[in-house]
N, C-alpha and C. Protein backbone atom coordinates (compact mmCIF):
# COMPACT_ATOMS: atom_id res chain seq x y z
N MET A 1 107.76 60.08 122.86
CA MET A 1 108.07 61.68 122.36
C MET A 1 107.50 61.68 121.32
N GLU A 2 107.17 62.92 120.49
CA GLU A 2 106.72 63.00 119.60
C GLU A 2 106.78 63.91 118.73
N GLU A 3 106.84 65.11 117.89
CA GLU A 3 108.03 66.11 116.89
C GLU A 3 107.12 67.05 117.72
N PHE A 4 105.82 67.81 118.24
CA PHE A 4 105.42 68.51 119.17
C PHE A 4 105.36 68.45 120.39
N GLU A 5 105.76 68.29 120.41
CA GLU A 5 105.82 67.61 122.01
C GLU A 5 106.03 69.26 122.71
N ARG A 6 107.14 69.60 122.49
CA ARG A 6 107.82 70.68 122.96
C ARG A 6 107.17 71.93 122.58
N THR A 7 106.27 71.91 122.00
CA THR A 7 105.13 72.78 121.31
C THR A 7 103.84 72.88 122.35
N ARG A 8 103.52 71.60 122.70
CA ARG A 8 102.26 71.23 123.64
C ARG A 8 102.61 72.13 124.91
N LEU A 9 103.92 71.69 125.09
CA LEU A 9 104.48 72.00 126.46
C LEU A 9 104.00 73.79 126.56
N LEU A 10 104.08 74.13 125.99
CA LEU A 10 103.87 75.22 125.97
C LEU A 10 102.59 76.17 125.31
N ILE A 11 101.70 75.52 124.46
CA ILE A 11 101.06 76.29 123.84
C ILE A 11 99.73 75.16 124.22
N GLY A 12 99.81 74.55 124.56
CA GLY A 12 98.90 73.35 125.01
C GLY A 12 97.92 72.29 123.74
N ASP A 13 96.89 71.50 124.23
CA ASP A 13 96.50 70.74 123.28
C ASP A 13 95.70 71.39 122.62
N GLU A 14 94.73 72.07 122.55
CA GLU A 14 93.34 72.45 122.35
C GLU A 14 94.32 73.68 121.11
N LYS A 15 95.18 74.11 121.68
CA LYS A 15 95.74 75.69 120.60
C LYS A 15 96.56 74.79 119.92
N LEU A 16 97.64 73.94 119.92
CA LEU A 16 98.25 72.77 118.76
C LEU A 16 97.04 72.39 118.08
N GLU A 17 95.58 71.92 118.07
CA GLU A 17 95.12 71.54 117.09
C GLU A 17 94.86 72.18 116.93
N LYS A 18 94.14 73.58 117.35
CA LYS A 18 94.06 74.89 116.00
C LYS A 18 94.71 75.06 115.00
N LEU A 19 96.03 74.74 115.13
CA LEU A 19 97.15 75.21 114.24
C LEU A 19 96.75 73.79 112.78
N LYS A 20 96.67 72.53 113.45
CA LYS A 20 96.40 71.81 112.99
C LYS A 20 96.02 71.35 111.87
N ASN A 21 94.64 72.12 112.11
CA ASN A 21 93.21 72.76 111.84
C ASN A 21 93.47 74.27 110.36
N SER A 22 94.86 74.80 110.91
CA SER A 22 94.60 76.08 109.71
C SER A 22 95.57 75.93 108.69
N THR A 23 95.06 76.51 107.53
CA THR A 23 95.74 76.96 106.49
C THR A 23 96.35 78.27 106.24
N VAL A 24 97.60 78.53 106.25
CA VAL A 24 98.04 79.99 106.05
C VAL A 24 98.55 79.99 104.67
N VAL A 25 98.50 80.87 104.09
CA VAL A 25 99.10 81.39 102.77
C VAL A 25 100.19 82.21 102.81
N VAL A 26 101.31 81.89 101.98
CA VAL A 26 102.53 82.71 102.23
C VAL A 26 102.77 83.21 100.55
N VAL A 27 102.89 84.79 100.17
CA VAL A 27 102.91 84.76 98.74
C VAL A 27 104.45 85.36 98.80
N GLY A 28 105.06 85.28 98.73
CA GLY A 28 106.59 85.10 98.09
C GLY A 28 107.14 83.93 99.26
N CYS A 29 108.15 83.38 98.51
CA CYS A 29 108.76 82.45 99.09
C CYS A 29 110.30 82.97 98.93
N GLY A 30 111.25 84.34 98.79
CA GLY A 30 112.60 84.42 99.18
C GLY A 30 113.07 84.20 100.96
N GLY A 31 113.72 85.41 100.84
CA GLY A 31 114.51 85.49 101.86
C GLY A 31 113.72 85.79 103.13
N VAL A 32 112.17 86.36 102.94
CA VAL A 32 111.32 86.73 104.08
C VAL A 32 110.15 85.68 104.38
N GLY A 33 109.76 84.96 103.15
CA GLY A 33 108.54 83.87 102.59
C GLY A 33 109.59 82.64 103.20
N SER A 34 110.53 82.55 103.03
CA SER A 34 111.01 80.74 103.07
C SER A 34 111.01 80.93 104.34
N TYR A 35 111.48 81.72 105.06
CA TYR A 35 111.63 81.49 106.97
C TYR A 35 110.75 81.49 107.52
N ALA A 36 109.66 82.52 106.96
CA ALA A 36 108.04 82.43 107.34
C ALA A 36 107.34 80.53 107.01
N CYS A 37 107.22 80.35 106.25
CA CYS A 37 107.23 78.98 105.69
C CYS A 37 107.55 77.93 106.74
N GLU A 38 109.18 78.13 107.21
CA GLU A 38 109.66 76.92 108.02
C GLU A 38 109.15 77.02 109.00
N ALA A 39 109.01 78.59 109.54
CA ALA A 39 108.92 78.47 111.00
C ALA A 39 107.08 77.75 111.52
N LEU A 40 106.41 78.11 110.21
CA LEU A 40 105.06 77.71 110.51
C LEU A 40 105.05 76.25 110.27
N ALA A 41 105.81 75.29 109.33
CA ALA A 41 105.83 73.63 108.99
C ALA A 41 105.99 73.53 110.60
N ARG A 42 107.47 73.97 111.13
CA ARG A 42 107.87 73.29 112.63
C ARG A 42 106.62 73.80 113.77
N SER A 43 105.78 74.35 113.02
CA SER A 43 104.60 75.02 114.69
C SER A 43 103.82 74.40 114.87
N GLY A 44 103.65 73.55 113.87
CA GLY A 44 102.51 72.53 113.65
C GLY A 44 101.37 72.87 112.54
N ILE A 45 101.39 73.71 111.74
CA ILE A 45 100.20 74.35 110.84
C ILE A 45 100.07 73.01 110.13
N GLY A 46 98.58 73.09 109.93
CA GLY A 46 98.28 71.84 109.49
C GLY A 46 98.42 72.26 107.35
N LYS A 47 98.15 72.95 107.15
CA LYS A 47 98.19 73.35 105.45
C LYS A 47 98.78 74.98 105.46
N LEU A 48 100.09 75.01 103.80
CA LEU A 48 100.84 75.71 103.68
C LEU A 48 100.46 75.87 102.43
N ILE A 49 99.75 77.23 101.85
CA ILE A 49 100.46 77.73 100.35
C ILE A 49 100.99 78.36 100.77
N ILE A 50 101.71 78.05 99.60
CA ILE A 50 102.70 79.05 98.93
C ILE A 50 103.19 79.32 97.29
N ILE A 51 102.39 81.19 97.25
CA ILE A 51 102.36 81.12 96.22
C ILE A 51 104.16 82.18 95.23
N ASP A 52 104.36 81.98 94.62
CA ASP A 52 105.80 81.99 93.72
C ASP A 52 106.24 82.15 93.21
N LYS A 53 106.26 82.70 91.62
CA LYS A 53 106.67 82.76 90.04
C LYS A 53 108.06 81.75 90.54
N ASP A 54 108.99 82.63 90.92
CA ASP A 54 110.62 82.22 90.33
C ASP A 54 110.66 81.03 90.48
N ASP A 55 112.16 80.66 89.87
CA ASP A 55 112.91 79.66 90.33
C ASP A 55 114.05 80.04 90.98
N ILE A 56 115.05 79.63 91.51
CA ILE A 56 115.96 79.96 92.50
C ILE A 56 117.34 79.69 91.29
N ASN A 57 117.93 80.70 91.84
CA ASN A 57 119.34 81.34 90.83
C ASN A 57 120.31 81.49 91.84
N ILE A 58 121.58 81.56 91.82
CA ILE A 58 122.55 81.90 92.37
C ILE A 58 122.85 83.10 93.35
N THR A 59 122.27 83.73 93.34
CA THR A 59 121.86 84.46 94.24
C THR A 59 120.92 84.81 95.34
N ASN A 60 120.29 83.38 95.05
CA ASN A 60 119.59 82.90 96.23
C ASN A 60 120.18 83.01 97.34
N LEU A 61 121.36 82.03 97.21
CA LEU A 61 122.44 81.04 98.17
C LEU A 61 122.63 82.25 99.68
N ASN A 62 122.97 83.15 99.68
CA ASN A 62 123.32 84.19 100.78
C ASN A 62 122.35 84.22 101.83
N ARG A 63 120.04 84.16 101.56
CA ARG A 63 119.57 84.55 102.04
C ARG A 63 117.95 83.72 102.05
N GLN A 64 118.26 82.87 101.46
CA GLN A 64 116.94 82.26 100.86
C GLN A 64 116.87 80.51 101.45
N LEU A 65 115.83 80.42 102.42
CA LEU A 65 116.55 79.04 103.30
C LEU A 65 116.31 77.84 101.91
N MET A 66 115.77 77.36 101.34
CA MET A 66 115.36 76.72 100.19
C MET A 66 116.61 76.04 99.29
N SER A 67 117.38 77.64 98.90
CA SER A 67 118.37 77.29 97.95
C SER A 67 119.32 76.51 98.12
N ALA A 68 119.74 76.13 97.46
CA ALA A 68 121.25 75.53 97.38
C ALA A 68 122.18 75.06 96.06
N TYR A 69 123.18 74.45 96.16
CA TYR A 69 123.82 74.34 94.93
C TYR A 69 123.00 73.68 93.75
N ASP A 70 122.58 72.47 94.05
CA ASP A 70 122.23 71.13 94.30
C ASP A 70 120.65 71.62 93.35
N ASN A 71 119.53 72.74 93.86
CA ASN A 71 118.42 72.96 93.24
C ASN A 71 118.31 74.12 92.36
N ILE A 72 119.56 75.17 91.73
CA ILE A 72 119.79 76.34 91.51
C ILE A 72 119.26 75.91 89.88
N GLY A 73 118.22 77.04 90.03
CA GLY A 73 116.99 76.63 88.51
C GLY A 73 115.32 75.46 88.72
N LYS A 74 115.42 75.17 89.85
CA LYS A 74 114.24 74.40 89.66
C LYS A 74 113.65 75.81 90.77
N SER A 75 111.86 75.75 91.06
CA SER A 75 110.74 76.40 91.34
C SER A 75 111.45 76.16 93.14
N LYS A 76 111.07 77.37 93.28
CA LYS A 76 111.68 77.70 94.86
C LYS A 76 109.70 77.48 95.61
N THR A 77 108.98 77.31 94.79
CA THR A 77 107.75 77.15 96.34
C THR A 77 108.11 75.07 95.66
N GLN A 78 108.05 74.70 94.66
CA GLN A 78 108.51 73.12 95.26
C GLN A 78 109.25 72.92 95.71
N GLU A 79 110.38 73.48 95.86
CA GLU A 79 111.64 72.96 96.74
C GLU A 79 111.42 73.45 97.84
N MET A 80 110.94 74.52 98.48
CA MET A 80 110.24 74.29 100.23
C MET A 80 109.60 73.32 100.31
N ALA A 81 108.37 73.14 99.78
CA ALA A 81 107.44 71.89 99.60
C ALA A 81 108.40 70.88 99.90
N LYS A 82 109.65 70.63 98.97
CA LYS A 82 110.20 69.32 99.15
C LYS A 82 111.09 68.90 100.92
N ARG A 83 111.30 70.67 101.11
CA ARG A 83 112.79 71.30 102.26
C ARG A 83 111.52 70.34 103.46
N ILE A 84 110.41 71.06 103.33
CA ILE A 84 108.99 70.66 104.17
C ILE A 84 108.81 69.36 104.75
N SER A 85 108.70 68.21 103.74
CA SER A 85 107.87 67.18 103.90
C SER A 85 108.99 66.90 104.25
N ASN A 86 110.52 66.70 105.11
CA ASN A 86 111.92 66.39 105.25
C ASN A 86 111.49 66.50 107.03
N PHE A 87 110.84 67.33 107.28
CA PHE A 87 110.11 67.62 108.77
C PHE A 87 109.68 67.39 108.98
N ALA A 88 108.10 67.71 108.41
CA ALA A 88 106.83 67.63 109.07
C ALA A 88 106.08 66.94 107.77
N HIS A 89 104.41 66.85 108.71
CA HIS A 89 103.19 66.47 107.98
C HIS A 89 102.64 67.33 107.50
N CYS A 90 102.73 68.19 107.30
CA CYS A 90 102.45 69.73 106.44
C CYS A 90 101.40 69.33 105.43
N GLN A 91 100.21 69.57 104.81
CA GLN A 91 100.29 69.82 103.57
C GLN A 91 100.98 71.05 102.86
N VAL A 92 101.97 70.77 101.99
CA VAL A 92 102.48 71.96 101.30
C VAL A 92 101.67 72.00 100.32
N GLN A 93 100.75 72.97 99.48
CA GLN A 93 100.80 73.19 98.17
C GLN A 93 101.38 74.36 97.25
N GLY A 94 102.27 74.11 96.52
CA GLY A 94 102.90 75.34 95.76
C GLY A 94 102.05 75.30 94.63
N ILE A 95 101.97 77.10 94.12
CA ILE A 95 101.54 77.57 93.43
C ILE A 95 102.49 78.25 92.40
N GLU A 96 103.27 78.02 91.41
CA GLU A 96 103.78 79.17 90.80
C GLU A 96 102.81 80.12 89.45
N CYS A 97 103.20 81.31 90.10
CA CYS A 97 102.08 82.35 89.51
C CYS A 97 103.01 83.87 90.07
N PHE A 98 102.74 84.07 88.99
CA PHE A 98 102.68 86.18 89.66
C PHE A 98 101.18 86.99 89.90
N PHE A 99 101.34 86.53 91.86
CA PHE A 99 100.34 87.43 92.44
C PHE A 99 99.59 88.36 92.29
N ASP A 100 98.43 88.93 91.56
CA ASP A 100 98.04 90.19 91.46
C ASP A 100 96.45 89.70 91.48
N GLU A 101 95.98 90.78 90.89
CA GLU A 101 94.02 90.85 91.27
C GLU A 101 93.52 89.57 90.98
N SER A 102 94.03 89.41 90.06
CA SER A 102 93.50 87.66 89.29
C SER A 102 93.60 86.47 90.11
N CYS A 103 93.92 86.72 91.27
CA CYS A 103 94.25 85.09 91.80
C CYS A 103 93.71 85.29 93.34
N ALA A 104 92.49 85.54 93.20
CA ALA A 104 91.42 85.77 94.61
C ALA A 104 91.61 84.96 95.13
N GLU A 105 91.34 83.91 94.10
CA GLU A 105 90.32 82.00 94.40
C GLU A 105 91.59 81.90 94.98
N LEU A 106 92.45 82.05 95.12
CA LEU A 106 93.49 81.08 95.63
C LEU A 106 93.76 81.60 97.49
N LEU A 107 93.04 82.21 97.80
CA LEU A 107 93.27 82.64 99.49
C LEU A 107 91.76 82.60 100.22
N LYS A 108 90.71 81.92 99.42
CA LYS A 108 89.65 81.04 99.63
C LYS A 108 89.75 80.08 101.04
N GLU A 109 90.85 79.18 101.26
CA GLU A 109 91.29 78.74 102.27
C GLU A 109 92.08 79.66 103.35
N ALA A 110 92.37 80.62 102.95
CA ALA A 110 93.47 80.60 104.09
C ALA A 110 92.77 81.30 105.23
N ASP A 111 93.07 80.84 106.32
CA ASP A 111 93.02 81.15 107.66
C ASP A 111 94.20 82.98 107.91
N PHE A 112 94.94 82.26 107.63
CA PHE A 112 95.76 83.88 107.54
C PHE A 112 96.57 83.43 106.37
N VAL A 113 97.09 85.11 106.35
CA VAL A 113 98.04 85.45 104.85
C VAL A 113 99.69 86.26 105.18
N ILE A 114 100.53 85.74 105.55
CA ILE A 114 101.28 86.36 105.13
C ILE A 114 101.71 87.01 103.73
N ASP A 115 102.04 88.24 103.70
CA ASP A 115 102.43 88.87 102.52
C ASP A 115 104.05 89.18 102.55
N ALA A 116 104.71 88.49 101.19
CA ALA A 116 106.20 88.44 101.79
C ALA A 116 106.59 89.14 100.17
N ILE A 117 105.70 89.68 99.40
CA ILE A 117 105.62 90.37 98.32
C ILE A 117 106.63 91.17 97.68
N ASP A 118 107.89 91.05 96.45
CA ASP A 118 108.44 92.44 96.49
C ASP A 118 107.93 93.81 95.71
N THR A 119 107.10 93.38 94.88
CA THR A 119 105.66 94.40 93.70
C THR A 119 104.67 94.88 94.53
N MET A 120 104.81 96.19 94.55
CA MET A 120 104.18 97.17 95.20
C MET A 120 102.73 96.59 95.05
N SER A 121 102.63 96.92 93.75
CA SER A 121 100.96 96.74 93.37
C SER A 121 100.14 95.65 93.19
N SER A 122 101.37 94.53 93.59
CA SER A 122 100.60 93.30 94.05
C SER A 122 100.60 93.09 95.61
N LYS A 123 101.04 93.56 96.90
CA LYS A 123 101.18 94.06 98.37
C LYS A 123 99.89 94.57 98.35
N LEU A 124 99.55 95.68 97.35
CA LEU A 124 98.37 96.21 97.19
C LEU A 124 97.01 95.84 97.25
N ALA A 125 97.21 94.71 95.95
CA ALA A 125 96.25 94.32 95.92
C ALA A 125 95.86 93.13 97.38
N LEU A 126 97.05 92.21 97.65
CA LEU A 126 96.69 91.31 98.82
C LEU A 126 95.57 92.28 99.67
N ALA A 127 96.40 93.23 100.10
CA ALA A 127 95.96 93.91 101.03
C ALA A 127 94.92 94.36 100.96
N LYS A 128 94.35 94.47 99.93
CA LYS A 128 92.63 94.51 99.34
C LYS A 128 91.77 93.04 99.73
N MET A 129 92.49 92.85 99.07
CA MET A 129 91.71 91.31 98.85
C MET A 129 91.77 90.86 100.57
N CYS A 130 92.58 90.80 100.92
CA CYS A 130 92.07 89.98 102.63
C CYS A 130 91.39 91.17 103.70
N HIS A 131 91.08 92.67 103.25
CA HIS A 131 90.18 93.20 104.22
C HIS A 131 89.30 93.39 103.58
N GLU A 132 88.92 92.76 102.47
CA GLU A 132 87.59 92.95 101.84
C GLU A 132 86.44 90.97 102.34
N ARG A 133 88.28 89.81 102.55
CA ARG A 133 87.78 88.40 102.86
C ARG A 133 87.63 88.72 104.21
N GLN A 134 88.01 89.87 105.19
CA GLN A 134 88.28 89.59 106.29
C GLN A 134 89.29 88.20 107.06
N ILE A 135 90.23 88.69 106.16
CA ILE A 135 91.14 86.86 106.66
C ILE A 135 92.48 88.21 107.21
N PRO A 136 92.49 87.55 107.87
CA PRO A 136 93.25 88.52 108.74
C PRO A 136 95.20 88.17 108.24
N PHE A 137 96.21 88.93 108.24
CA PHE A 137 97.20 89.29 107.24
C PHE A 137 97.79 90.13 108.20
N VAL A 138 99.46 90.18 107.85
CA VAL A 138 100.73 90.71 107.93
C VAL A 138 101.22 90.72 106.93
N MET A 139 102.14 91.84 106.09
CA MET A 139 102.24 92.56 105.01
C MET A 139 103.55 93.08 105.69
N SER A 140 105.38 92.30 104.80
CA SER A 140 106.66 92.53 105.37
C SER A 140 106.72 93.55 104.11
N LEU A 141 107.59 94.80 104.85
CA LEU A 141 108.12 96.21 104.22
C LEU A 141 108.95 95.97 103.54
N GLY A 142 110.18 96.93 103.45
CA GLY A 142 111.38 96.51 102.75
C GLY A 142 112.19 95.95 103.77
N MET A 143 113.00 95.00 103.76
CA MET A 143 114.00 94.46 104.02
C MET A 143 115.55 94.43 103.66
N ALA A 144 115.42 94.67 102.52
CA ALA A 144 117.18 94.80 102.21
C ALA A 144 117.64 96.30 102.26
N ASN A 145 118.93 95.99 102.33
CA ASN A 145 119.79 96.92 102.40
C ASN A 145 119.80 97.32 104.18
N ARG A 146 120.08 96.46 105.35
CA ARG A 146 120.10 96.40 106.08
C ARG A 146 120.87 95.23 107.09
N LEU A 147 121.35 95.43 107.97
CA LEU A 147 121.89 94.40 108.60
C LEU A 147 121.73 94.38 110.05
N ASP A 148 120.75 95.08 110.65
CA ASP A 148 120.73 94.91 111.66
C ASP A 148 118.75 94.02 112.80
N PRO A 149 118.70 92.73 113.16
CA PRO A 149 117.34 92.69 112.91
C PRO A 149 116.72 93.12 113.63
N SER A 150 117.51 93.87 115.01
CA SER A 150 117.15 94.07 115.93
C SER A 150 116.06 95.29 116.04
N LYS A 151 116.36 96.10 115.35
CA LYS A 151 115.25 96.96 114.29
C LYS A 151 114.18 96.63 114.09
N LEU A 152 113.84 95.79 114.11
CA LEU A 152 112.24 95.22 113.24
C LEU A 152 111.32 95.15 113.99
N GLU A 153 109.93 95.42 113.80
CA GLU A 153 108.89 96.21 114.35
C GLU A 153 107.49 95.52 113.85
N TYR A 154 106.80 95.25 115.00
CA TYR A 154 105.58 95.24 114.15
C TYR A 154 104.38 95.80 114.72
N THR A 155 103.98 95.98 113.63
CA THR A 155 102.74 97.96 113.84
C THR A 155 102.06 97.62 112.85
N THR A 156 101.20 99.19 112.63
CA THR A 156 100.76 99.61 111.42
C THR A 156 101.38 100.25 110.46
N LEU A 157 100.77 100.56 109.14
CA LEU A 157 102.04 100.85 107.74
C LEU A 157 101.24 102.30 108.26
N ASP A 158 100.71 102.86 109.29
CA ASP A 158 100.05 104.46 108.97
C ASP A 158 102.15 105.08 110.48
N LYS A 159 102.35 104.20 111.26
CA LYS A 159 102.77 104.76 112.11
C LYS A 159 104.34 103.88 111.64
N THR A 160 104.66 103.67 110.71
CA THR A 160 106.21 103.46 110.04
C THR A 160 106.93 104.81 109.61
N SER A 161 108.01 104.78 110.24
CA SER A 161 108.97 105.40 109.30
C SER A 161 110.36 104.90 109.07
N TYR A 162 111.42 105.94 108.36
CA TYR A 162 112.35 105.18 108.05
C TYR A 162 112.23 104.71 106.97
N ASP A 163 111.71 103.76 106.31
CA ASP A 163 111.45 102.55 105.38
C ASP A 163 110.59 103.01 104.04
N PRO A 164 111.46 102.99 102.97
CA PRO A 164 111.41 103.86 101.25
C PRO A 164 109.87 102.86 100.76
N VAL A 165 109.91 101.62 101.27
CA VAL A 165 108.70 100.77 100.85
C VAL A 165 107.54 101.35 101.36
N ALA A 166 107.45 101.87 103.28
CA ALA A 166 106.27 101.85 103.23
C ALA A 166 105.90 103.25 102.85
N LYS A 167 106.59 104.30 102.20
CA LYS A 167 106.13 105.43 102.10
C LYS A 167 105.22 105.48 100.55
N ILE A 168 105.93 104.77 100.00
CA ILE A 168 105.26 104.19 99.08
C ILE A 168 103.60 103.46 98.89
N MET A 169 103.98 102.56 100.27
CA MET A 169 102.65 101.33 100.38
C MET A 169 101.39 102.89 100.76
N ARG A 170 102.11 103.53 101.70
CA ARG A 170 100.98 104.90 102.30
C ARG A 170 100.10 105.79 101.09
N SER A 171 101.23 106.11 100.10
CA SER A 171 100.84 107.01 98.85
C SER A 171 100.01 106.03 98.16
N MET A 172 100.16 104.76 98.08
CA MET A 172 99.66 103.80 96.79
C MET A 172 98.27 104.12 97.63
N CYS A 173 98.24 103.64 98.79
CA CYS A 173 96.67 103.12 99.60
C CYS A 173 95.88 104.49 99.56
N LYS A 174 96.58 106.12 99.65
CA LYS A 174 95.82 107.03 99.36
C LYS A 174 95.35 107.24 98.46
N LYS A 175 95.90 107.20 97.26
CA LYS A 175 95.42 106.49 96.01
C LYS A 175 94.37 106.08 95.71
N ALA A 176 94.57 105.13 96.44
CA ALA A 176 93.42 103.65 95.84
C ALA A 176 92.39 103.67 96.90
N GLY A 177 92.15 105.12 98.03
CA GLY A 177 90.86 104.99 98.89
C GLY A 177 90.73 103.94 99.92
N LEU A 178 92.33 103.31 100.32
CA LEU A 178 91.87 102.29 101.38
C LEU A 178 92.15 103.10 102.28
N ASN A 179 91.00 102.79 103.74
CA ASN A 179 91.89 103.49 104.94
C ASN A 179 91.82 102.32 105.85
N PHE A 180 91.86 101.02 105.84
CA PHE A 180 91.78 100.35 106.63
C PHE A 180 93.02 100.58 107.45
N LYS A 181 93.39 99.61 108.66
CA LYS A 181 94.99 99.14 109.21
C LYS A 181 95.28 98.30 108.63
N ILE A 182 96.23 98.83 108.27
CA ILE A 182 97.36 97.36 107.02
C ILE A 182 98.22 97.16 108.76
N PRO A 183 98.60 95.84 109.07
CA PRO A 183 99.68 95.04 109.96
C PRO A 183 100.58 95.14 108.80
N VAL A 184 101.68 95.58 109.91
CA VAL A 184 103.38 95.68 108.87
C VAL A 184 104.26 95.23 110.18
N ILE A 185 105.29 94.51 109.44
CA ILE A 185 106.62 94.65 109.82
C ILE A 185 107.79 94.95 109.05
N PHE A 186 108.11 96.22 109.34
CA PHE A 186 109.19 96.75 109.10
C PHE A 186 110.34 97.14 109.77
N SER A 187 111.74 97.69 109.67
CA SER A 187 112.90 98.27 109.71
C SER A 187 113.34 99.43 110.55
N ARG A 188 113.31 99.84 111.53
CA ARG A 188 113.33 101.68 111.85
C ARG A 188 115.06 101.09 111.44
N GLU A 189 115.75 100.57 111.14
CA GLU A 189 117.25 101.08 110.66
C GLU A 189 117.17 101.55 109.24
N ILE A 190 118.25 102.68 109.10
CA ILE A 190 117.88 103.52 107.94
C ILE A 190 118.72 102.81 106.79
N PRO A 191 118.12 102.97 105.55
CA PRO A 191 118.82 101.40 104.69
C PRO A 191 120.25 102.13 104.28
N ALA A 192 120.98 101.26 104.01
CA ALA A 192 122.25 101.61 103.57
C ALA A 192 122.17 102.06 102.28
N ARG A 193 123.58 102.73 101.57
CA ARG A 193 123.71 102.95 99.98
C ARG A 193 124.26 101.17 99.76
N HIS A 194 124.36 101.86 98.60
CA HIS A 194 125.34 100.43 98.28
C HIS A 194 125.74 100.97 96.37
N MET A 195 126.41 99.49 96.69
CA MET A 195 126.93 99.76 94.94
C MET A 195 125.84 99.71 94.27
N THR A 196 125.71 100.29 92.90
CA THR A 196 124.81 99.98 91.79
C THR A 196 125.12 98.71 90.92
N VAL A 197 124.62 97.66 90.71
CA VAL A 197 125.18 96.82 89.58
C VAL A 197 124.41 96.91 88.58
N GLU A 198 125.17 97.11 87.54
CA GLU A 198 124.42 97.28 86.18
C GLU A 198 124.07 96.07 85.59
N LYS A 199 122.86 95.82 84.78
CA LYS A 199 123.54 94.55 83.58
C LYS A 199 122.25 94.65 82.85
N LEU A 200 122.72 93.90 81.50
CA LEU A 200 122.28 93.87 80.37
C LEU A 200 120.44 92.68 80.91
N ALA A 201 119.76 93.78 81.48
CA ALA A 201 117.97 92.87 81.72
C ALA A 201 116.90 93.14 81.49
N GLU A 202 116.02 92.92 81.84
CA GLU A 202 114.52 93.27 80.89
C GLU A 202 114.01 94.50 82.15
N THR A 203 114.45 93.75 83.99
CA THR A 203 113.52 94.05 84.68
C THR A 203 114.29 95.06 85.22
N ARG A 204 113.63 96.34 85.63
CA ARG A 204 114.42 97.41 86.57
C ARG A 204 115.55 96.63 87.91
N LYS A 205 114.21 95.62 88.31
CA LYS A 205 114.71 94.70 89.49
C LYS A 205 115.75 94.06 89.06
N GLU A 206 116.35 93.19 88.00
CA GLU A 206 117.28 92.91 87.63
C GLU A 206 117.94 93.76 87.20
N ARG A 207 118.15 94.87 86.78
CA ARG A 207 119.35 95.90 86.78
C ARG A 207 119.93 96.58 87.67
N PHE A 208 119.24 96.60 88.41
CA PHE A 208 119.61 97.74 89.99
C PHE A 208 119.07 96.51 91.32
N PRO A 209 119.92 95.58 91.43
CA PRO A 209 119.02 94.46 92.52
C PRO A 209 119.93 94.93 93.42
N LEU A 210 118.51 94.64 95.18
CA LEU A 210 118.94 95.46 95.58
C LEU A 210 119.90 94.50 96.85
N ALA A 211 120.51 95.41 97.53
CA ALA A 211 121.49 94.29 98.61
C ALA A 211 120.76 93.77 99.72
N SER A 212 121.27 92.66 100.10
CA SER A 212 120.93 92.15 101.28
C SER A 212 121.41 91.10 101.88
N MET A 213 121.48 90.57 102.86
CA MET A 213 122.02 89.68 103.93
C MET A 213 121.20 88.93 104.91
N VAL A 214 121.18 87.32 105.03
CA VAL A 214 120.20 86.37 105.50
C VAL A 214 119.56 87.14 106.60
N PHE A 215 120.45 88.17 108.17
CA PHE A 215 119.61 88.76 109.29
C PHE A 215 118.52 89.35 109.17
N VAL A 216 117.98 90.42 108.02
CA VAL A 216 117.15 91.08 108.38
C VAL A 216 115.90 90.56 107.81
N PRO A 217 116.35 90.23 106.26
CA PRO A 217 115.01 88.87 106.13
C PRO A 217 114.51 87.55 106.88
N ALA A 218 115.65 87.12 107.10
CA ALA A 218 115.12 86.15 107.88
C ALA A 218 114.30 85.81 109.32
N SER A 219 114.74 87.37 109.91
CA SER A 219 114.57 87.89 111.13
C SER A 219 112.92 87.91 110.79
N ALA A 220 113.14 89.08 109.88
CA ALA A 220 111.02 89.11 109.10
C ALA A 220 110.38 87.98 109.39
N GLY A 221 110.71 87.14 108.68
CA GLY A 221 110.19 86.31 108.20
C GLY A 221 110.02 84.96 109.18
N LEU A 222 110.79 85.24 110.24
CA LEU A 222 110.19 84.40 111.72
C LEU A 222 109.36 85.21 112.68
N LEU A 223 109.31 86.68 112.18
CA LEU A 223 108.56 87.56 113.33
C LEU A 223 106.96 87.43 112.17
N ALA A 224 107.06 87.30 111.71
CA ALA A 224 105.25 86.90 110.45
C ALA A 224 105.01 85.77 111.05
N ALA A 225 105.82 85.21 111.29
CA ALA A 225 104.71 83.91 111.30
C ALA A 225 104.63 83.22 112.60
N SER A 226 105.60 84.11 113.55
CA SER A 226 104.88 84.71 115.08
C SER A 226 103.98 85.40 115.44
N VAL A 227 103.85 86.31 114.57
CA VAL A 227 102.31 86.85 114.73
C VAL A 227 101.30 86.07 113.98
N CYS A 228 101.41 85.33 112.99
CA CYS A 228 100.40 84.40 112.32
C CYS A 228 100.15 83.22 113.35
N ILE A 229 100.90 82.36 114.19
CA ILE A 229 100.69 82.02 114.97
C ILE A 229 99.65 81.98 116.38
N ARG A 230 100.67 83.46 116.85
CA ARG A 230 99.94 83.79 117.98
C ARG A 230 98.36 84.25 117.51
N THR A 231 98.13 85.15 116.55
CA THR A 231 96.26 85.71 116.02
C THR A 231 96.06 84.08 115.49
N LEU A 232 96.45 83.18 115.47
CA LEU A 232 95.38 81.97 114.83
C LEU A 232 95.51 81.11 116.43
N ILE A 233 96.34 81.32 117.35
CA ILE A 233 96.16 80.24 118.85
C ILE A 233 95.02 81.49 119.16
N ASP A 234 94.89 82.44 119.64
CA ASP A 234 94.42 83.62 119.97
C ASP A 234 92.98 84.05 119.58
N LYS A 235 92.07 83.02 118.40
CA LYS A 235 91.09 83.45 117.74
C LYS A 235 90.14 82.90 118.73
């Protein structure tokens, strides 16, 4: 027996070989991105490029796969790469940077891109880059303030509802003149209201953190990985 015996039984040798020869870029290694990376590595992807500038902090422990008490303060991308090295012969390149319009070069090897970013301007830039380079991709929308993973759907941005992130993204696309279909994962669950935690911090994200548990972000990451794998083997 070998590690991909059960995978081979499901998809066959030819498609497994496609995955081994594929490179996937995952932008954002948080609640969604960490589970997407794990699933891709366990599915036989040959190379992962993981992009995230953040380090692990204690608030990540409730939902981010690579986070643990003993690696708080360490790089998210490097800790995800270390985790993957324990169970897969997947080449992992961790890049510690904030993704923006200057990062196009990071997509040059990509056969597929997963957007698990929080910052709206970065999501817009990544969608535009993928479209211009004809790289298949999927965008994860708002997963915070929700508890029910059964409400997740894979569709296109123009068909979303109930999601404040989708509403903002549609408006930004319109202003930017982007009229192509954007594949997304979103939730039909109406976001819950939560207690505002006010802190003395530099950014709005730190002053008003979003409420989140593991169920919906993790499920979105797994769904994103599934979309990626199905796209690659059906090429």
